[in-house]
Amino acid sequence: MVGLASPSLRHGLAELLHRENVRRGVQVRLNEDQIIIDLYVIIEYGIRISEVARNIQENVKFGVEKSLGVPVAQVNVHVQGLRVSDEKI
Protein backbone atom coordinates (compact mmCIF):
# COMPACT_ATOMS: atom_id res chain seq x y z
CA MET A 1 0.00 0.00 0.00
CA VAL A 2 1.32 3.43 -0.89
CA GLY A 3 -0.86 5.46 1.45
CA LEU A 4 -4.28 6.69 2.46
CA ALA A 5 -6.45 8.80 0.18
CA SER A 6 -9.30 11.17 0.75
CA PRO A 7 -12.73 9.50 0.45
CA SER A 8 -14.09 12.53 -1.42
CA LEU A 9 -12.23 12.38 -4.71
CA ARG A 10 -12.82 14.98 -7.36
CA HIS A 11 -12.79 13.90 -11.00
CA GLY A 12 -11.14 10.57 -10.18
CA LEU A 13 -7.88 12.10 -9.00
CA ALA A 14 -6.54 10.44 -5.88
CA GLU A 15 -4.47 12.63 -3.60
CA LEU A 16 -2.02 11.03 -1.25
CA LEU A 17 -2.63 12.36 2.22
CA HIS A 18 0.25 13.80 4.19
CA ARG A 19 0.91 12.47 7.68
CA GLU A 20 -1.00 15.32 9.37
CA ASN A 21 -4.13 14.61 7.27
CA VAL A 22 -4.00 10.81 7.32
CA ARG A 23 -7.13 10.52 9.47
CA ARG A 24 -9.12 11.82 6.48
CA GLY A 25 -8.48 8.48 4.80
CA VAL A 26 -10.14 6.56 7.64
CA GLN A 27 -13.81 6.65 8.61
CA VAL A 28 -15.12 4.84 11.69
CA ARG A 29 -18.83 4.31 12.32
CA LEU A 30 -20.66 2.76 15.23
CA ASN A 31 -23.82 0.92 14.20
CA GLU A 32 -25.78 -0.84 16.96
CA ASP A 33 -22.67 -1.69 19.03
CA GLN A 34 -20.72 -2.73 15.94
CA ILE A 35 -17.66 -0.92 14.64
CA ILE A 36 -17.45 -0.40 10.88
CA ILE A 37 -14.19 0.96 9.47
CA ASP A 38 -13.75 2.37 5.96
CA LEU A 39 -10.20 2.86 4.67
CA TYR A 40 -9.46 4.76 1.46
CA VAL A 41 -6.12 3.67 0.01
CA ILE A 42 -3.79 4.09 -2.92
CA ILE A 43 -1.94 0.93 -3.92
CA GLU A 44 1.30 0.44 -5.84
CA TYR A 45 0.77 -0.66 -9.44
CA GLY A 46 1.72 -4.27 -10.12
CA ILE A 47 0.76 -5.86 -6.81
CA ARG A 48 -2.32 -7.97 -6.14
CA ILE A 49 -5.05 -5.60 -5.01
CA SER A 50 -7.18 -8.35 -3.46
CA GLU A 51 -4.25 -9.68 -1.43
CA VAL A 52 -3.26 -6.23 -0.15
CA ALA A 53 -6.88 -5.39 0.71
CA ARG A 54 -7.31 -8.66 2.61
CA ASN A 55 -4.07 -8.08 4.56
CA ILE A 56 -5.18 -4.55 5.45
CA GLN A 57 -8.57 -5.84 6.60
CA GLU A 58 -7.06 -8.55 8.80
CA ASN A 59 -4.41 -6.29 10.36
CA VAL A 60 -6.79 -3.42 11.08
CA LYS A 61 -9.45 -5.73 12.53
CA PHE A 62 -6.92 -7.50 14.76
CA GLY A 63 -5.29 -4.26 15.93
CA VAL A 64 -8.55 -2.49 16.77
CA GLU A 65 -10.07 -5.50 18.53
CA LYS A 66 -6.89 -6.06 20.55
CA SER A 67 -6.56 -2.38 21.48
CA LEU A 68 -10.20 -1.65 22.29
CA GLY A 69 -11.53 -5.08 23.21
CA VAL A 70 -14.57 -4.43 21.00
CA PRO A 71 -15.42 -6.61 17.99
CA VAL A 72 -15.11 -5.02 14.57
CA ALA A 73 -18.00 -5.95 12.27
CA GLN A 74 -16.47 -4.72 8.99
CA VAL A 75 -13.27 -3.31 7.59
CA ASN A 76 -13.97 -1.97 4.10
CA VAL A 77 -10.97 -1.16 1.91
CA HIS A 78 -11.73 1.29 -0.91
CA VAL A 79 -8.96 1.44 -3.51
CA GLN A 80 -8.98 5.04 -4.72
CA GLY A 81 -6.18 4.67 -7.20
CA LEU A 82 -2.93 3.08 -8.28
CA ARG A 83 0.49 4.64 -8.12
CA VAL A 84 3.20 3.80 -10.61
CA SER A 85 6.71 4.18 -9.25
CA ASP A 86 9.51 5.48 -11.47
CA GLU A 87 11.06 1.99 -11.47
CA LYS A 88 7.98 0.53 -13.23
CA ILE A 89 8.18 2.99 -16.13
PDB file of N, CA and C in Angstrom:
ATOM      1  N   MET A   1       0.855  -1.175   0.000  1.00  0.00           N
ATOM      2  CA  MET A   1       0.000   0.000   0.000  1.00  0.00           C
ATOM      3  C   MET A   1       0.893   1.228   0.000  1.00  0.00           C
ATOM      4  N   VAL A   2       0.553   2.194  -0.809  1.00  0.00           N
ATOM      5  CA  VAL A   2       1.321   3.427  -0.888  1.00  0.00           C
ATOM      6  C   VAL A   2       0.904   4.381   0.217  1.00  0.00           C
ATOM      7  N   GLY A   3      -0.395   4.539   0.429  1.00  0.00           N
ATOM      8  CA  GLY A   3      -0.862   5.458   1.454  1.00  0.00           C
ATOM      9  C   GLY A   3      -2.367   5.556   1.481  1.00  0.00           C
ATOM     10  N   LEU A   4      -2.845   6.456   2.329  1.00  0.00           N
ATOM     11  CA  LEU A   4      -4.276   6.689   2.461  1.00  0.00           C
ATOM     12  C   LEU A   4      -4.690   7.839   1.564  1.00  0.00           C
ATOM     13  N   ALA A   5      -5.912   7.776   1.075  1.00  0.00           N
ATOM     14  CA  ALA A   5      -6.447   8.797   0.177  1.00  0.00           C
ATOM     15  C   ALA A   5      -7.700   9.393   0.789  1.00  0.00           C
ATOM     16  N   SER A   6      -8.070  10.538   0.310  1.00  0.00           N
ATOM     17  CA  SER A   6      -9.303  11.171   0.748  1.00  0.00           C
ATOM     18  C   SER A   6     -10.499  10.419   0.171  1.00  0.00           C
ATOM     19  N   PRO A   7     -11.546  10.187   0.977  1.00  0.00           N
ATOM     20  CA  PRO A   7     -12.728   9.503   0.453  1.00  0.00           C
ATOM     21  C   PRO A   7     -13.533  10.348  -0.527  1.00  0.00           C
ATOM     22  N   SER A   8     -13.327  11.654  -0.524  1.00  0.00           N
ATOM     23  CA  SER A   8     -14.088  12.532  -1.417  1.00  0.00           C
ATOM     24  C   SER A   8     -13.204  12.964  -2.583  1.00  0.00           C
ATOM     25  N   LEU A   9     -13.071  12.081  -3.551  1.00  0.00           N
ATOM     26  CA  LEU A   9     -12.228  12.376  -4.707  1.00  0.00           C
ATOM     27  C   LEU A   9     -12.969  13.238  -5.713  1.00  0.00           C
ATOM     28  N   ARG A  10     -12.253  14.114  -6.326  1.00  0.00           N
ATOM     29  CA  ARG A  10     -12.816  14.978  -7.357  1.00  0.00           C
ATOM     30  C   ARG A  10     -12.276  14.530  -8.714  1.00  0.00           C
ATOM     31  N   HIS A  11     -13.159  14.240  -9.624  1.00  0.00           N
ATOM     32  CA  HIS A  11     -12.795  13.895 -11.001  1.00  0.00           C
ATOM     33  C   HIS A  11     -11.850  12.699 -11.074  1.00  0.00           C
ATOM     34  N   GLY A  12     -11.934  11.786 -10.125  1.00  0.00           N
ATOM     35  CA  GLY A  12     -11.137  10.566 -10.176  1.00  0.00           C
ATOM     36  C   GLY A  12      -9.669  10.737  -9.839  1.00  0.00           C
ATOM     37  N   LEU A  13      -9.281  11.885  -9.336  1.00  0.00           N
ATOM     38  CA  LEU A  13      -7.878  12.099  -9.003  1.00  0.00           C
ATOM     39  C   LEU A  13      -7.652  11.801  -7.528  1.00  0.00           C
ATOM     40  N   ALA A  14      -6.831  10.819  -7.258  1.00  0.00           N
ATOM     41  CA  ALA A  14      -6.540  10.442  -5.876  1.00  0.00           C
ATOM     42  C   ALA A  14      -5.380  11.281  -5.368  1.00  0.00           C
ATOM     43  N   GLU A  15      -5.558  11.882  -4.212  1.00  0.00           N
ATOM     44  CA  GLU A  15      -4.470  12.627  -3.604  1.00  0.00           C
ATOM     45  C   GLU A  15      -3.935  11.821  -2.433  1.00  0.00           C
ATOM     46  N   LEU A  16      -2.632  11.687  -2.386  1.00  0.00           N
ATOM     47  CA  LEU A  16      -2.016  11.030  -1.246  1.00  0.00           C
ATOM     48  C   LEU A  16      -2.060  11.992  -0.073  1.00  0.00           C
ATOM     49  N   LEU A  17      -2.518  11.507   1.052  1.00  0.00           N
ATOM     50  CA  LEU A  17      -2.627  12.363   2.222  1.00  0.00           C
ATOM     51  C   LEU A  17      -1.297  12.429   2.955  1.00  0.00           C
ATOM     52  N   HIS A  18      -0.948  13.625   3.380  1.00  0.00           N
ATOM     53  CA  HIS A  18       0.252  13.802   4.188  1.00  0.00           C
ATOM     54  C   HIS A  18      -0.028  13.307   5.597  1.00  0.00           C
ATOM     55  N   ARG A  19       1.020  13.050   6.341  1.00  0.00           N
ATOM     56  CA  ARG A  19       0.906  12.473   7.676  1.00  0.00           C
ATOM     57  C   ARG A  19      -0.088  13.226   8.567  1.00  0.00           C
ATOM     58  N   GLU A  20      -0.103  14.540   8.496  1.00  0.00           N
ATOM     59  CA  GLU A  20      -0.997  15.316   9.366  1.00  0.00           C
ATOM     60  C   GLU A  20      -2.468  15.188   8.967  1.00  0.00           C
ATOM     61  N   ASN A  21      -2.749  14.756   7.742  1.00  0.00           N
ATOM     62  CA  ASN A  21      -4.129  14.612   7.268  1.00  0.00           C
ATOM     63  C   ASN A  21      -4.564  13.161   7.104  1.00  0.00           C
ATOM     64  N   VAL A  22      -3.752  12.224   7.586  1.00  0.00           N
ATOM     65  CA  VAL A  22      -3.998  10.814   7.318  1.00  0.00           C
ATOM     66  C   VAL A  22      -5.344  10.340   7.864  1.00  0.00           C
ATOM     67  N   ARG A  23      -5.837  10.956   8.914  1.00  0.00           N
ATOM     68  CA  ARG A  23      -7.127  10.519   9.470  1.00  0.00           C
ATOM     69  C   ARG A  23      -8.280  10.751   8.495  1.00  0.00           C
ATOM     70  N   ARG A  24      -8.086  11.614   7.495  1.00  0.00           N
ATOM     71  CA  ARG A  24      -9.124  11.825   6.482  1.00  0.00           C
ATOM     72  C   ARG A  24      -9.338  10.585   5.630  1.00  0.00           C
ATOM     73  N   GLY A  25      -8.363   9.694   5.583  1.00  0.00           N
ATOM     74  CA  GLY A  25      -8.480   8.478   4.797  1.00  0.00           C
ATOM     75  C   GLY A  25      -9.105   7.323   5.557  1.00  0.00           C
ATOM     76  N   VAL A  26      -9.538   7.592   6.789  1.00  0.00           N
ATOM     77  CA  VAL A  26     -10.144   6.561   7.638  1.00  0.00           C
ATOM     78  C   VAL A  26     -11.465   7.087   8.170  1.00  0.00           C
ATOM     79  N   GLN A  27     -12.516   6.300   8.023  1.00  0.00           N
ATOM     80  CA  GLN A  27     -13.811   6.648   8.608  1.00  0.00           C
ATOM     81  C   GLN A  27     -14.250   5.499   9.503  1.00  0.00           C
ATOM     82  N   VAL A  28     -14.665   5.840  10.727  1.00  0.00           N
ATOM     83  CA  VAL A  28     -15.123   4.836  11.685  1.00  0.00           C
ATOM     84  C   VAL A  28     -16.560   5.160  12.055  1.00  0.00           C
ATOM     85  N   ARG A  29     -17.420   4.144  11.958  1.00  0.00           N
ATOM     86  CA  ARG A  29     -18.829   4.312  12.319  1.00  0.00           C
ATOM     87  C   ARG A  29     -19.205   3.285  13.375  1.00  0.00           C
ATOM     88  N   LEU A  30     -20.110   3.669  14.231  1.00  0.00           N
ATOM     89  CA  LEU A  30     -20.655   2.757  15.230  1.00  0.00           C
ATOM     90  C   LEU A  30     -22.113   2.526  14.875  1.00  0.00           C
ATOM     91  N   ASN A  31     -22.468   1.264  14.617  1.00  0.00           N
ATOM     92  CA  ASN A  31     -23.817   0.916  14.202  1.00  0.00           C
ATOM     93  C   ASN A  31     -24.326  -0.200  15.102  1.00  0.00           C
ATOM     94  N   GLU A  32     -25.211   0.136  16.032  1.00  0.00           N
ATOM     95  CA  GLU A  32     -25.781  -0.838  16.958  1.00  0.00           C
ATOM     96  C   GLU A  32     -24.690  -1.679  17.620  1.00  0.00           C
ATOM     97  N   ASP A  33     -23.766  -1.037  18.306  1.00  0.00           N
ATOM     98  CA  ASP A  33     -22.673  -1.687  19.033  1.00  0.00           C
ATOM     99  C   ASP A  33     -21.700  -2.440  18.133  1.00  0.00           C
ATOM    100  N   GLN A  34     -21.679  -2.132  16.861  1.00  0.00           N
ATOM    101  CA  GLN A  34     -20.717  -2.725  15.942  1.00  0.00           C
ATOM    102  C   GLN A  34     -19.861  -1.618  15.339  1.00  0.00           C
ATOM    103  N   ILE A  35     -18.572  -1.881  15.253  1.00  0.00           N
ATOM    104  CA  ILE A  35     -17.655  -0.925  14.644  1.00  0.00           C
ATOM    105  C   ILE A  35     -17.501  -1.271  13.163  1.00  0.00           C
ATOM    106  N   ILE A  36     -17.644  -0.254  12.323  1.00  0.00           N
ATOM    107  CA  ILE A  36     -17.447  -0.398  10.880  1.00  0.00           C
ATOM    108  C   ILE A  36     -16.376   0.611  10.476  1.00  0.00           C
ATOM    109  N   ILE A  37     -15.327   0.122   9.844  1.00  0.00           N
ATOM    110  CA  ILE A  37     -14.193   0.963   9.466  1.00  0.00           C
ATOM    111  C   ILE A  37     -14.082   0.983   7.947  1.00  0.00           C
ATOM    112  N   ASP A  38     -13.977   2.186   7.388  1.00  0.00           N
ATOM    113  CA  ASP A  38     -13.749   2.367   5.955  1.00  0.00           C
ATOM    114  C   ASP A  38     -12.375   2.998   5.769  1.00  0.00           C
ATOM    115  N   LEU A  39     -11.536   2.356   4.968  1.00  0.00           N
ATOM    116  CA  LEU A  39     -10.200   2.855   4.666  1.00  0.00           C
ATOM    117  C   LEU A  39     -10.123   3.166   3.181  1.00  0.00           C
ATOM    118  N   TYR A  40      -9.600   4.324   2.848  1.00  0.00           N
ATOM    119  CA  TYR A  40      -9.464   4.757   1.462  1.00  0.00           C
ATOM    120  C   TYR A  40      -7.974   4.771   1.135  1.00  0.00           C
ATOM    121  N   VAL A  41      -7.548   3.889   0.229  1.00  0.00           N
ATOM    122  CA  VAL A  41      -6.121   3.674   0.015  1.00  0.00           C
ATOM    123  C   VAL A  41      -5.720   3.860  -1.440  1.00  0.00           C
ATOM    124  N   ILE A  42      -4.429   4.084  -1.613  1.00  0.00           N
ATOM    125  CA  ILE A  42      -3.792   4.088  -2.922  1.00  0.00           C
ATOM    126  C   ILE A  42      -2.769   2.963  -2.885  1.00  0.00           C
ATOM    127  N   ILE A  43      -2.780   2.124  -3.902  1.00  0.00           N
ATOM    128  CA  ILE A  43      -1.939   0.934  -3.924  1.00  0.00           C
ATOM    129  C   ILE A  43      -0.932   1.036  -5.063  1.00  0.00           C
ATOM    130  N   GLU A  44       0.237   0.464  -4.830  1.00  0.00           N
ATOM    131  CA  GLU A  44       1.300   0.442  -5.836  1.00  0.00           C
ATOM    132  C   GLU A  44       0.885  -0.429  -7.020  1.00  0.00           C
ATOM    133  N   TYR A  45       1.090   0.075  -8.220  1.00  0.00           N
ATOM    134  CA  TYR A  45       0.773  -0.663  -9.439  1.00  0.00           C
ATOM    135  C   TYR A  45       1.617  -1.934  -9.499  1.00  0.00           C
ATOM    136  N   GLY A  46       0.991  -3.032  -9.916  1.00  0.00           N
ATOM    137  CA  GLY A  46       1.722  -4.271 -10.119  1.00  0.00           C
ATOM    138  C   GLY A  46       1.605  -5.273  -8.986  1.00  0.00           C
ATOM    139  N   ILE A  47       0.954  -4.898  -7.900  1.00  0.00           N
ATOM    140  CA  ILE A  47       0.757  -5.855  -6.815  1.00  0.00           C
ATOM    141  C   ILE A  47      -0.699  -6.301  -6.801  1.00  0.00           C
ATOM    142  N   ARG A  48      -0.963  -7.419  -6.171  1.00  0.00           N
ATOM    143  CA  ARG A  48      -2.323  -7.966  -6.143  1.00  0.00           C
ATOM    144  C   ARG A  48      -3.204  -7.150  -5.207  1.00  0.00           C
ATOM    145  N   ILE A  49      -4.160  -6.466  -5.782  1.00  0.00           N
ATOM    146  CA  ILE A  49      -5.047  -5.602  -5.010  1.00  0.00           C
ATOM    147  C   ILE A  49      -5.828  -6.413  -3.987  1.00  0.00           C
ATOM    148  N   SER A  50      -6.365  -7.545  -4.386  1.00  0.00           N
ATOM    149  CA  SER A  50      -7.176  -8.347  -3.461  1.00  0.00           C
ATOM    150  C   SER A  50      -6.362  -8.835  -2.273  1.00  0.00           C
ATOM    151  N   GLU A  51      -5.111  -9.200  -2.511  1.00  0.00           N
ATOM    152  CA  GLU A  51      -4.247  -9.676  -1.428  1.00  0.00           C
ATOM    153  C   GLU A  51      -3.910  -8.548  -0.458  1.00  0.00           C
ATOM    154  N   VAL A  52      -3.569  -7.386  -0.995  1.00  0.00           N
ATOM    155  CA  VAL A  52      -3.256  -6.232  -0.150  1.00  0.00           C
ATOM    156  C   VAL A  52      -4.482  -5.823   0.656  1.00  0.00           C
ATOM    157  N   ALA A  53      -5.644  -5.770   0.011  1.00  0.00           N
ATOM    158  CA  ALA A  53      -6.879  -5.386   0.709  1.00  0.00           C
ATOM    159  C   ALA A  53      -7.198  -6.365   1.833  1.00  0.00           C
ATOM    160  N   ARG A  54      -7.039  -7.648   1.580  1.00  0.00           N
ATOM    161  CA  ARG A  54      -7.309  -8.659   2.607  1.00  0.00           C
ATOM    162  C   ARG A  54      -6.339  -8.518   3.782  1.00  0.00           C
ATOM    163  N   ASN A  55      -5.057  -8.281   3.498  1.00  0.00           N
ATOM    164  CA  ASN A  55      -4.072  -8.080   4.564  1.00  0.00           C
ATOM    165  C   ASN A  55      -4.396  -6.848   5.396  1.00  0.00           C
ATOM    166  N   ILE A  56      -4.796  -5.773   4.733  1.00  0.00           N
ATOM    167  CA  ILE A  56      -5.178  -4.555   5.453  1.00  0.00           C
ATOM    168  C   ILE A  56      -6.368  -4.846   6.355  1.00  0.00           C
ATOM    169  N   GLN A  57      -7.381  -5.514   5.816  1.00  0.00           N
ATOM    170  CA  GLN A  57      -8.573  -5.843   6.604  1.00  0.00           C
ATOM    171  C   GLN A  57      -8.210  -6.645   7.847  1.00  0.00           C
ATOM    172  N   GLU A  58      -7.420  -7.689   7.673  1.00  0.00           N
ATOM    173  CA  GLU A  58      -7.061  -8.552   8.797  1.00  0.00           C
ATOM    174  C   GLU A  58      -6.248  -7.807   9.846  1.00  0.00           C
ATOM    175  N   ASN A  59      -5.264  -7.019   9.415  1.00  0.00           N
ATOM    176  CA  ASN A  59      -4.412  -6.293  10.356  1.00  0.00           C
ATOM    177  C   ASN A  59      -5.165  -5.217  11.116  1.00  0.00           C
ATOM    178  N   VAL A  60      -6.015  -4.473  10.421  1.00  0.00           N
ATOM    179  CA  VAL A  60      -6.787  -3.419  11.083  1.00  0.00           C
ATOM    180  C   VAL A  60      -7.778  -4.033  12.066  1.00  0.00           C
ATOM    181  N   LYS A  61      -8.477  -5.061  11.654  1.00  0.00           N
ATOM    182  CA  LYS A  61      -9.451  -5.731  12.526  1.00  0.00           C
ATOM    183  C   LYS A  61      -8.766  -6.259  13.785  1.00  0.00           C
ATOM    184  N   PHE A  62      -7.651  -6.953  13.624  1.00  0.00           N
ATOM    185  CA  PHE A  62      -6.919  -7.501  14.761  1.00  0.00           C
ATOM    186  C   PHE A  62      -6.439  -6.388  15.694  1.00  0.00           C
ATOM    187  N   GLY A  63      -5.831  -5.349  15.121  1.00  0.00           N
ATOM    188  CA  GLY A  63      -5.293  -4.256  15.927  1.00  0.00           C
ATOM    189  C   GLY A  63      -6.353  -3.515  16.720  1.00  0.00           C
ATOM    190  N   VAL A  64      -7.475  -3.215  16.090  1.00  0.00           N
ATOM    191  CA  VAL A  64      -8.550  -2.487  16.771  1.00  0.00           C
ATOM    192  C   VAL A  64      -9.177  -3.355  17.856  1.00  0.00           C
ATOM    193  N   GLU A  65      -9.454  -4.611  17.537  1.00  0.00           N
ATOM    194  CA  GLU A  65     -10.067  -5.496  18.531  1.00  0.00           C
ATOM    195  C   GLU A  65      -9.139  -5.725  19.717  1.00  0.00           C
ATOM    196  N   LYS A  66      -7.852  -5.861  19.461  1.00  0.00           N
ATOM    197  CA  LYS A  66      -6.889  -6.056  20.546  1.00  0.00           C
ATOM    198  C   LYS A  66      -6.763  -4.796  21.396  1.00  0.00           C
ATOM    199  N   SER A  67      -6.724  -3.640  20.761  1.00  0.00           N
ATOM    200  CA  SER A  67      -6.556  -2.375  21.483  1.00  0.00           C
ATOM    201  C   SER A  67      -7.791  -1.975  22.272  1.00  0.00           C
ATOM    202  N   LEU A  68      -8.967  -2.136  21.667  1.00  0.00           N
ATOM    203  CA  LEU A  68     -10.203  -1.654  22.286  1.00  0.00           C
ATOM    204  C   LEU A  68     -11.002  -2.742  22.983  1.00  0.00           C
ATOM    205  N   GLY A  69     -10.753  -3.991  22.631  1.00  0.00           N
ATOM    206  CA  GLY A  69     -11.532  -5.084  23.206  1.00  0.00           C
ATOM    207  C   GLY A  69     -12.971  -5.109  22.723  1.00  0.00           C
ATOM    208  N   VAL A  70     -13.222  -4.499  21.580  1.00  0.00           N
ATOM    209  CA  VAL A  70     -14.566  -4.435  21.003  1.00  0.00           C
ATOM    210  C   VAL A  70     -14.506  -5.096  19.625  1.00  0.00           C
ATOM    211  N   PRO A  71     -15.466  -5.968  19.302  1.00  0.00           N
ATOM    212  CA  PRO A  71     -15.425  -6.615  17.989  1.00  0.00           C
ATOM    213  C   PRO A  71     -15.676  -5.629  16.844  1.00  0.00           C
ATOM    214  N   VAL A  72     -14.948  -5.833  15.775  1.00  0.00           N
ATOM    215  CA  VAL A  72     -15.106  -5.025  14.566  1.00  0.00           C
ATOM    216  C   VAL A  72     -15.961  -5.822  13.590  1.00  0.00           C
ATOM    217  N   ALA A  73     -17.083  -5.253  13.173  1.00  0.00           N
ATOM    218  CA  ALA A  73     -18.005  -5.945  12.265  1.00  0.00           C
ATOM    219  C   ALA A  73     -17.474  -5.965  10.836  1.00  0.00           C
ATOM    220  N   GLN A  74     -16.924  -4.834  10.383  1.00  0.00           N
ATOM    221  CA  GLN A  74     -16.467  -4.723   8.992  1.00  0.00           C
ATOM    222  C   GLN A  74     -15.252  -3.822   8.899  1.00  0.00           C
ATOM    223  N   VAL A  75     -14.344  -4.196   8.017  1.00  0.00           N
ATOM    224  CA  VAL A  75     -13.271  -3.305   7.587  1.00  0.00           C
ATOM    225  C   VAL A  75     -13.369  -3.271   6.068  1.00  0.00           C
ATOM    226  N   ASN A  76     -13.784  -2.139   5.542  1.00  0.00           N
ATOM    227  CA  ASN A  76     -13.970  -1.969   4.097  1.00  0.00           C
ATOM    228  C   ASN A  76     -12.782  -1.202   3.531  1.00  0.00           C
ATOM    229  N   VAL A  77     -12.121  -1.789   2.547  1.00  0.00           N
ATOM    230  CA  VAL A  77     -10.969  -1.157   1.910  1.00  0.00           C
ATOM    231  C   VAL A  77     -11.408  -0.656   0.537  1.00  0.00           C
ATOM    232  N   HIS A  78     -11.345   0.650   0.358  1.00  0.00           N
ATOM    233  CA  HIS A  78     -11.729   1.288  -0.907  1.00  0.00           C
ATOM    234  C   HIS A  78     -10.448   1.715  -1.629  1.00  0.00           C
ATOM    235  N   VAL A  79     -10.150   1.087  -2.747  1.00  0.00           N
ATOM    236  CA  VAL A  79      -8.955   1.443  -3.513  1.00  0.00           C
ATOM    237  C   VAL A  79      -9.305   2.654  -4.371  1.00  0.00           C
ATOM    238  N   GLN A  80      -8.684   3.782  -4.048  1.00  0.00           N
ATOM    239  CA  GLN A  80      -8.984   5.041  -4.722  1.00  0.00           C
ATOM    240  C   GLN A  80      -8.093   5.282  -5.935  1.00  0.00           C
ATOM    241  N   GLY A  81      -7.052   4.481  -6.055  1.00  0.00           N
ATOM    242  CA  GLY A  81      -6.179   4.669  -7.204  1.00  0.00           C
ATOM    243  C   GLY A  81      -4.953   3.787  -7.117  1.00  0.00           C
ATOM    244  N   LEU A  82      -4.185   3.812  -8.197  1.00  0.00           N
ATOM    245  CA  LEU A  82      -2.931   3.079  -8.282  1.00  0.00           C
ATOM    246  C   LEU A  82      -1.812   4.079  -8.493  1.00  0.00           C
ATOM    247  N   ARG A  83      -0.667   3.766  -7.931  1.00  0.00           N
ATOM    248  CA  ARG A  83       0.491   4.637  -8.116  1.00  0.00           C
ATOM    249  C   ARG A  83       1.576   3.845  -8.831  1.00  0.00           C
ATOM    250  N   VAL A  84       2.121   4.426  -9.856  1.00  0.00           N
ATOM    251  CA  VAL A  84       3.197   3.800 -10.609  1.00  0.00           C
ATOM    252  C   VAL A  84       4.500   4.451 -10.172  1.00  0.00           C
ATOM    253  N   SER A  85       5.416   3.634  -9.657  1.00  0.00           N
ATOM    254  CA  SER A  85       6.709   4.182  -9.254  1.00  0.00           C
ATOM    255  C   SER A  85       7.572   4.390 -10.490  1.00  0.00           C
ATOM    256  N   ASP A  86       8.610   5.193 -10.354  1.00  0.00           N
ATOM    257  CA  ASP A  86       9.512   5.476 -11.473  1.00  0.00           C
ATOM    258  C   ASP A  86      10.190   4.210 -11.978  1.00  0.00           C
ATOM    259  N   GLU A  87      10.402   3.234 -11.088  1.00  0.00           N
ATOM    260  CA  GLU A  87      11.064   1.988 -11.471  1.00  0.00           C
ATOM    261  C   GLU A  87      10.218   1.169 -12.431  1.00  0.00           C
ATOM    262  N   LYS A  88       8.881   1.314 -12.389  1.00  0.00           N
ATOM    263  CA  LYS A  88       7.976   0.529 -13.229  1.00  0.00           C
ATOM    264  C   LYS A  88       7.861   1.100 -14.643  1.00  0.00           C
ATOM    265  N   ILE A  89       8.319   2.325 -14.826  1.00  0.00           N
ATOM    266  CA  ILE A  89       8.181   2.995 -16.134  1.00  0.00           C
ATOM    267  C   ILE A  89       9.321   2.603 -17.050  1.00  0.00           C
TER     268      ILE A  89
END
